Amino acid sequence: MKIKAERPSIEFEYEFEDGATAVFKYSAPTTKQIDRSFEIPDEDRKGRLDHTKEVLIDCISGDMADKSRMIEELMENGNIYEFKVQLDIALGKHRESLQRG
């Protein structure tokens, strides 16, 4: 049996407010990113929110200009935390489908 470290990921298309679209890849957080979230005290809400944004930004890959534009648009006119939840749900469904074969 051969096993290798591999982060599950999904591709998604984002539609900007002007109707333009871009394709990105969202990868599951790494062990280090998850461990870091447990190091932030519960009472440090700002630190937890900042870490959540950092992890999301780090886990998305694609054209850097499009990525920056998407993040800015989500911060100004959307909800970046809800967006992360949507991506995590889609990634979870993808993982389930892989496990079922």
Protein backbone atom coordinates (compact mmCIF):
# COMPACT_ATOMS: atom_id res chain seq x y z
CA MET A 1 0.00 0.00 0.00
CA LYS A 2 1.34 3.43 -0.93
CA ILE A 3 0.13 6.55 0.85
CA LYS A 4 1.19 10.11 0.20
CA ALA A 5 0.34 13.45 1.74
CA GLU A 6 -2.26 15.04 -0.45
CA ARG A 7 -4.57 17.93 0.31
CA PRO A 8 -8.11 17.48 -0.96
CA SER A 9 -9.16 20.34 -3.21
CA ILE A 10 -11.96 21.55 -5.43
CA GLU A 11 -12.13 23.97 -8.32
CA PHE A 12 -14.75 26.68 -8.28
CA GLU A 13 -15.80 29.51 -10.52
CA TYR A 14 -16.35 32.92 -8.96
CA GLU A 15 -18.58 35.51 -10.60
CA PHE A 16 -17.55 39.09 -9.95
CA GLU A 17 -20.13 41.85 -9.53
CA ASP A 18 -19.47 43.02 -13.11
CA GLY A 19 -20.32 39.55 -14.47
CA ALA A 20 -16.72 38.51 -15.22
CA THR A 21 -15.70 35.08 -13.93
CA ALA A 22 -12.48 33.41 -12.78
CA VAL A 23 -11.62 29.84 -11.82
CA PHE A 24 -9.86 29.09 -8.54
CA LYS A 25 -8.76 26.05 -6.57
CA TYR A 26 -9.63 25.70 -2.88
CA SER A 27 -7.47 23.26 -0.91
CA ALA A 28 -8.17 21.89 2.55
CA PRO A 29 -6.24 23.63 5.33
CA THR A 30 -2.93 22.10 6.38
CA THR A 31 -2.23 20.61 9.79
CA LYS A 32 -0.17 23.69 10.69
CA GLN A 33 -3.05 26.02 9.80
CA ILE A 34 -5.51 23.97 11.86
CA ASP A 35 -3.12 23.70 14.81
CA ARG A 36 -2.56 27.46 14.75
CA SER A 37 -6.31 28.05 15.11
CA PHE A 38 -6.26 26.16 18.42
CA GLU A 39 -3.40 28.32 19.70
CA ILE A 40 -5.53 31.47 19.51
CA PRO A 41 -7.38 32.02 22.80
CA ASP A 42 -11.18 31.83 22.57
CA GLU A 43 -11.49 35.35 23.96
CA ASP A 44 -9.32 36.73 21.12
CA ARG A 45 -12.20 37.01 18.65
CA LYS A 46 -10.37 39.43 16.35
CA GLY A 47 -7.37 37.09 16.22
CA ARG A 48 -9.65 34.16 15.37
CA LEU A 49 -11.40 36.11 12.60
CA ASP A 50 -8.09 37.32 11.17
CA HIS A 51 -6.74 33.76 11.20
CA THR A 52 -9.85 32.49 9.40
CA LYS A 53 -9.32 35.07 6.63
CA GLU A 54 -5.61 34.22 6.39
CA VAL A 55 -6.34 30.49 6.06
CA LEU A 56 -8.96 31.10 3.39
CA ILE A 57 -6.63 33.34 1.39
CA ASP A 58 -3.77 30.83 1.72
CA CYS A 59 -5.97 27.89 0.67
CA ILE A 60 -7.18 29.56 -2.54
CA SER A 61 -4.97 29.44 -5.59
CA GLY A 62 -5.41 30.97 -9.01
CA ASP A 63 -4.51 34.13 -10.86
CA MET A 64 -3.18 36.52 -8.21
CA ALA A 65 -4.89 39.61 -9.64
CA ASP A 66 -8.25 37.81 -9.79
CA LYS A 67 -7.73 36.41 -6.30
CA SER A 68 -6.99 39.87 -4.88
CA ARG A 69 -10.02 41.28 -6.67
CA MET A 70 -12.27 38.49 -5.33
CA ILE A 71 -11.04 38.92 -1.74
CA GLU A 72 -11.51 42.68 -1.91
CA GLU A 73 -15.01 42.25 -3.35
CA LEU A 74 -15.93 39.75 -0.61
CA MET A 75 -14.57 42.05 2.10
CA GLU A 76 -16.40 45.12 0.79
CA ASN A 77 -19.67 43.73 -0.54
CA GLY A 78 -20.01 40.18 0.73
CA ASN A 79 -19.28 38.00 3.72
CA ILE A 80 -15.90 36.31 3.50
CA TYR A 81 -16.71 34.05 6.46
CA GLU A 82 -19.89 32.74 4.81
CA PHE A 83 -17.92 32.27 1.60
CA LYS A 84 -15.41 30.07 3.46
CA VAL A 85 -18.27 28.03 4.92
CA GLN A 86 -19.66 27.47 1.40
CA LEU A 87 -16.26 26.31 0.16
CA ASP A 88 -15.80 24.00 3.17
CA ILE A 89 -19.22 22.44 2.55
CA ALA A 90 -18.41 21.88 -1.14
CA LEU A 91 -15.03 20.38 -0.21
CA GLY A 92 -16.71 18.08 2.32
CA LYS A 93 -19.16 16.86 -0.31
CA HIS A 94 -16.28 16.25 -2.70
CA ARG A 95 -14.43 14.21 -0.04
CA GLU A 96 -17.55 12.13 0.61
CA SER A 97 -17.95 11.36 -3.09
CA LEU A 98 -14.30 10.23 -3.27
CA GLN A 99 -14.74 7.94 -0.28
CA ARG A 100 -17.83 6.32 -1.82
CA GLY A 101 -15.85 5.71 -4.98
